Amino acid sequence: MKIYALIAASLLALGPAAALSACPAHSEQAMSCTSGNVWDSDTERCVPNVTG
């Protein structure tokens, strides 16, 4: 009976880590800015679109 409890506890402890590792694109989310702004990857903010 103790072995089943140990297995169940291990699965419950490692389950969230396995679920998070299965989503590699999670950190590569697309950023969208309001109209007239563009994403500046250096400052990681939306900045006004300056042309010219």
PDB file of N, CA and C in Angstrom:
ATOM      1  N   MET A   1       0.822  -1.199   0.000  1.00  0.00           N
ATOM      2  CA  MET A   1       0.000   0.000   0.000  1.00  0.00           C
ATOM      3  C   MET A   1       0.865   1.261   0.000  1.00  0.00           C
ATOM      4  N   LYS A   2       1.994   1.222   0.703  1.00  0.00           N
ATOM      5  CA  LYS A   2       2.856   2.394   0.766  1.00  0.00           C
ATOM      6  C   LYS A   2       3.477   2.707  -0.587  1.00  0.00           C
ATOM      7  N   ILE A   3       3.740   1.678  -1.394  1.00  0.00           N
ATOM      8  CA  ILE A   3       4.343   1.914  -2.705  1.00  0.00           C
ATOM      9  C   ILE A   3       3.378   2.686  -3.610  1.00  0.00           C
ATOM     10  N   TYR A   4       2.090   2.397  -3.500  1.00  0.00           N
ATOM     11  CA  TYR A   4       1.105   3.118  -4.307  1.00  0.00           C
ATOM     12  C   TYR A   4       1.020   4.585  -3.886  1.00  0.00           C
ATOM     13  N   ALA A   5       1.114   4.834  -2.605  1.00  0.00           N
ATOM     14  CA  ALA A   5       1.095   6.211  -2.113  1.00  0.00           C
ATOM     15  C   ALA A   5       2.344   6.956  -2.576  1.00  0.00           C
ATOM     16  N   LEU A   6       3.487   6.279  -2.588  1.00  0.00           N
ATOM     17  CA  LEU A   6       4.728   6.892  -3.044  1.00  0.00           C
ATOM     18  C   LEU A   6       4.670   7.213  -4.533  1.00  0.00           C
ATOM     19  N   ILE A   7       4.133   6.303  -5.320  1.00  0.00           N
ATOM     20  CA  ILE A   7       3.986   6.536  -6.760  1.00  0.00           C
ATOM     21  C   ILE A   7       3.024   7.689  -7.019  1.00  0.00           C
ATOM     22  N   ALA A   8       1.908   7.707  -6.316  1.00  0.00           N
ATOM     23  CA  ALA A   8       0.922   8.771  -6.495  1.00  0.00           C
ATOM     24  C   ALA A   8       1.507  10.129  -6.105  1.00  0.00           C
ATOM     25  N   ALA A   9       2.253  10.170  -5.015  1.00  0.00           N
ATOM     26  CA  ALA A   9       2.864  11.428  -4.586  1.00  0.00           C
ATOM     27  C   ALA A   9       3.904  11.903  -5.596  1.00  0.00           C
ATOM     28  N   SER A  10       4.659  10.972  -6.154  1.00  0.00           N
ATOM     29  CA  SER A  10       5.661  11.339  -7.160  1.00  0.00           C
ATOM     30  C   SER A  10       5.006  11.908  -8.404  1.00  0.00           C
ATOM     31  N   LEU A  11       3.939  11.279  -8.856  1.00  0.00           N
ATOM     32  CA  LEU A  11       3.242  11.764 -10.046  1.00  0.00           C
ATOM     33  C   LEU A  11       2.621  13.135  -9.810  1.00  0.00           C
ATOM     34  N   LEU A  12       2.070  13.341  -8.637  1.00  0.00           N
ATOM     35  CA  LEU A  12       1.483  14.642  -8.322  1.00  0.00           C
ATOM     36  C   LEU A  12       2.553  15.728  -8.221  1.00  0.00           C
ATOM     37  N   ALA A  13       3.717  15.374  -7.733  1.00  0.00           N
ATOM     38  CA  ALA A  13       4.785  16.357  -7.591  1.00  0.00           C
ATOM     39  C   ALA A  13       5.415  16.706  -8.933  1.00  0.00           C
ATOM     40  N   LEU A  14       5.548  15.735  -9.825  1.00  0.00           N
ATOM     41  CA  LEU A  14       6.218  15.958 -11.104  1.00  0.00           C
ATOM     42  C   LEU A  14       5.267  16.336 -12.233  1.00  0.00           C
ATOM     43  N   GLY A  15       3.986  16.216 -12.035  1.00  0.00           N
ATOM     44  CA  GLY A  15       3.007  16.519 -13.078  1.00  0.00           C
ATOM     45  C   GLY A  15       3.077  17.940 -13.605  1.00  0.00           C
ATOM     46  N   PRO A  16       3.065  18.956 -12.757  1.00  0.00           N
ATOM     47  CA  PRO A  16       3.124  20.334 -13.259  1.00  0.00           C
ATOM     48  C   PRO A  16       4.409  20.646 -14.025  1.00  0.00           C
ATOM     49  N   ALA A  17       5.526  20.098 -13.604  1.00  0.00           N
ATOM     50  CA  ALA A  17       6.790  20.342 -14.308  1.00  0.00           C
ATOM     51  C   ALA A  17       6.743  19.747 -15.706  1.00  0.00           C
ATOM     52  N   ALA A  18       6.169  18.570 -15.837  1.00  0.00           N
ATOM     53  CA  ALA A  18       6.059  17.937 -17.151  1.00  0.00           C
ATOM     54  C   ALA A  18       5.108  18.725 -18.049  1.00  0.00           C
ATOM     55  N   ALA A  19       4.054  19.251 -17.487  1.00  0.00           N
ATOM     56  CA  ALA A  19       3.098  20.021 -18.282  1.00  0.00           C
ATOM     57  C   ALA A  19       3.718  21.325 -18.777  1.00  0.00           C
ATOM     58  N   LEU A  20       4.509  21.974 -17.961  1.00  0.00           N
ATOM     59  CA  LEU A  20       5.144  23.227 -18.371  1.00  0.00           C
ATOM     60  C   LEU A  20       6.237  23.004 -19.403  1.00  0.00           C
ATOM     61  N   SER A  21       6.938  21.902 -19.317  1.00  0.00           N
ATOM     62  CA  SER A  21       8.015  21.648 -20.270  1.00  0.00           C
ATOM     63  C   SER A  21       7.483  21.245 -21.635  1.00  0.00           C
ATOM     64  N   ALA A  22       6.228  20.884 -21.730  1.00  0.00           N
ATOM     65  CA  ALA A  22       5.644  20.463 -23.002  1.00  0.00           C
ATOM     66  C   ALA A  22       5.236  21.648 -23.868  1.00  0.00           C
ATOM     67  N   CYS A  23       5.420  22.860 -23.393  1.00  0.00           N
ATOM     68  CA  CYS A  23       4.991  24.047 -24.129  1.00  0.00           C
ATOM     69  C   CYS A  23       6.175  24.973 -24.367  1.00  0.00           C
ATOM     70  N   PRO A  24       7.048  24.649 -25.331  1.00  0.00           N
ATOM     71  CA  PRO A  24       8.233  25.478 -25.537  1.00  0.00           C
ATOM     72  C   PRO A  24       7.930  26.845 -26.131  1.00  0.00           C
ATOM     73  N   ALA A  25       6.825  27.000 -26.849  1.00  0.00           N
ATOM     74  CA  ALA A  25       6.502  28.277 -27.479  1.00  0.00           C
ATOM     75  C   ALA A  25       5.846  29.245 -26.500  1.00  0.00           C
ATOM     76  N   HIS A  26       5.668  28.819 -25.260  1.00  0.00           N
ATOM     77  CA  HIS A  26       5.004  29.672 -24.274  1.00  0.00           C
ATOM     78  C   HIS A  26       5.777  30.969 -24.048  1.00  0.00           C
ATOM     79  N   SER A  27       7.081  30.913 -24.103  1.00  0.00           N
ATOM     80  CA  SER A  27       7.865  32.115 -23.855  1.00  0.00           C
ATOM     81  C   SER A  27       7.998  32.990 -25.093  1.00  0.00           C
ATOM     82  N   GLU A  28       7.544  32.523 -26.236  1.00  0.00           N
ATOM     83  CA  GLU A  28       7.651  33.282 -27.479  1.00  0.00           C
ATOM     84  C   GLU A  28       6.283  33.811 -27.901  1.00  0.00           C
ATOM     85  N   GLN A  29       5.696  34.606 -27.050  1.00  0.00           N
ATOM     86  CA  GLN A  29       4.378  35.153 -27.322  1.00  0.00           C
ATOM     87  C   GLN A  29       4.510  36.401 -28.191  1.00  0.00           C
ATOM     88  N   ALA A  30       3.637  36.537 -29.171  1.00  0.00           N
ATOM     89  CA  ALA A  30       3.672  37.693 -30.065  1.00  0.00           C
ATOM     90  C   ALA A  30       3.159  38.929 -29.326  1.00  0.00           C
ATOM     91  N   MET A  31       3.837  40.038 -29.526  1.00  0.00           N
ATOM     92  CA  MET A  31       3.434  41.295 -28.901  1.00  0.00           C
ATOM     93  C   MET A  31       2.732  42.147 -29.938  1.00  0.00           C
ATOM     94  N   SER A  32       1.626  42.749 -29.561  1.00  0.00           N
ATOM     95  CA  SER A  32       0.934  43.652 -30.477  1.00  0.00           C
ATOM     96  C   SER A  32       0.808  45.019 -29.806  1.00  0.00           C
ATOM     97  N   CYS A  33       1.039  46.039 -30.595  1.00  0.00           N
ATOM     98  CA  CYS A  33       0.959  47.416 -30.105  1.00  0.00           C
ATOM     99  C   CYS A  33      -0.260  48.095 -30.724  1.00  0.00           C
ATOM    100  N   THR A  34      -0.649  49.207 -30.143  1.00  0.00           N
ATOM    101  CA  THR A  34      -1.772  49.963 -30.678  1.00  0.00           C
ATOM    102  C   THR A  34      -1.383  50.586 -32.012  1.00  0.00           C
ATOM    103  N   SER A  35      -2.345  51.077 -32.722  1.00  0.00           N
ATOM    104  CA  SER A  35      -2.112  51.670 -34.037  1.00  0.00           C
ATOM    105  C   SER A  35      -1.150  52.851 -33.932  1.00  0.00           C
ATOM    106  N   GLY A  36      -0.161  52.881 -34.834  1.00  0.00           N
ATOM    107  CA  GLY A  36       0.822  53.956 -34.831  1.00  0.00           C
ATOM    108  C   GLY A  36       2.044  53.671 -33.984  1.00  0.00           C
ATOM    109  N   ASN A  37       2.060  52.530 -33.314  1.00  0.00           N
ATOM    110  CA  ASN A  37       3.197  52.143 -32.483  1.00  0.00           C
ATOM    111  C   ASN A  37       3.799  50.851 -33.005  1.00  0.00           C
ATOM    112  N   VAL A  38       5.072  50.646 -32.719  1.00  0.00           N
ATOM    113  CA  VAL A  38       5.767  49.409 -33.077  1.00  0.00           C
ATOM    114  C   VAL A  38       6.496  48.884 -31.849  1.00  0.00           C
ATOM    115  N   TRP A  39       6.789  47.574 -31.858  1.00  0.00           N
ATOM    116  CA  TRP A  39       7.483  46.949 -30.740  1.00  0.00           C
ATOM    117  C   TRP A  39       8.981  47.177 -30.866  1.00  0.00           C
ATOM    118  N   ASP A  40       9.589  47.698 -29.817  1.00  0.00           N
ATOM    119  CA  ASP A  40      11.036  47.896 -29.757  1.00  0.00           C
ATOM    120  C   ASP A  40      11.617  46.791 -28.880  1.00  0.00           C
ATOM    121  N   SER A  41      12.356  45.868 -29.505  1.00  0.00           N
ATOM    122  CA  SER A  41      12.873  44.722 -28.763  1.00  0.00           C
ATOM    123  C   SER A  41      13.977  45.111 -27.784  1.00  0.00           C
ATOM    124  N   ASP A  42      14.647  46.228 -28.011  1.00  0.00           N
ATOM    125  CA  ASP A  42      15.697  46.664 -27.081  1.00  0.00           C
ATOM    126  C   ASP A  42      15.110  47.110 -25.747  1.00  0.00           C
ATOM    127  N   THR A  43      14.069  47.930 -25.810  1.00  0.00           N
ATOM    128  CA  THR A  43      13.446  48.429 -24.582  1.00  0.00           C
ATOM    129  C   THR A  43      12.281  47.563 -24.135  1.00  0.00           C
ATOM    130  N   GLU A  44      11.863  46.636 -24.999  1.00  0.00           N
ATOM    131  CA  GLU A  44      10.720  45.754 -24.744  1.00  0.00           C
ATOM    132  C   GLU A  44       9.467  46.555 -24.410  1.00  0.00           C
ATOM    133  N   ARG A  45       9.204  47.558 -25.234  1.00  0.00           N
ATOM    134  CA  ARG A  45       8.016  48.412 -25.088  1.00  0.00           C
ATOM    135  C   ARG A  45       7.510  48.821 -26.459  1.00  0.00           C
ATOM    136  N   CYS A  46       6.274  49.268 -26.502  1.00  0.00           N
ATOM    137  CA  CYS A  46       5.727  49.853 -27.725  1.00  0.00           C
ATOM    138  C   CYS A  46       6.196  51.301 -27.797  1.00  0.00           C
ATOM    139  N   VAL A  47       6.701  51.679 -28.952  1.00  0.00           N
ATOM    140  CA  VAL A  47       7.179  53.048 -29.157  1.00  0.00           C
ATOM    141  C   VAL A  47       6.497  53.618 -30.387  1.00  0.00           C
ATOM    142  N   PRO A  48       6.383  54.956 -30.474  1.00  0.00           N
ATOM    143  CA  PRO A  48       5.766  55.559 -31.663  1.00  0.00           C
ATOM    144  C   PRO A  48       6.559  55.207 -32.918  1.00  0.00           C
ATOM    145  N   ASN A  49       5.838  54.930 -34.000  1.00  0.00           N
ATOM    146  CA  ASN A  49       6.457  54.589 -35.275  1.00  0.00           C
ATOM    147  C   ASN A  49       6.917  55.873 -35.951  1.00  0.00           C
ATOM    148  N   VAL A  50       8.233  56.075 -36.022  1.00  0.00           N
ATOM    149  CA  VAL A  50       8.807  57.273 -36.634  1.00  0.00           C
ATOM    150  C   VAL A  50       9.352  56.878 -37.993  1.00  0.00           C
ATOM    151  N   THR A  51       8.825  57.495 -39.053  1.00  0.00           N
ATOM    152  CA  THR A  51       9.315  57.213 -40.404  1.00  0.00           C
ATOM    153  C   THR A  51      10.035  58.437 -40.940  1.00  0.00           C
ATOM    154  N   GLY A  52      11.018  58.186 -41.777  1.00  0.00           N
ATOM    155  CA  GLY A  52      11.668  59.326 -42.411  1.00  0.00           C
ATOM    156  C   GLY A  52      13.078  59.425 -42.172  1.00  0.00           C
TER     157      GLY A  52
END
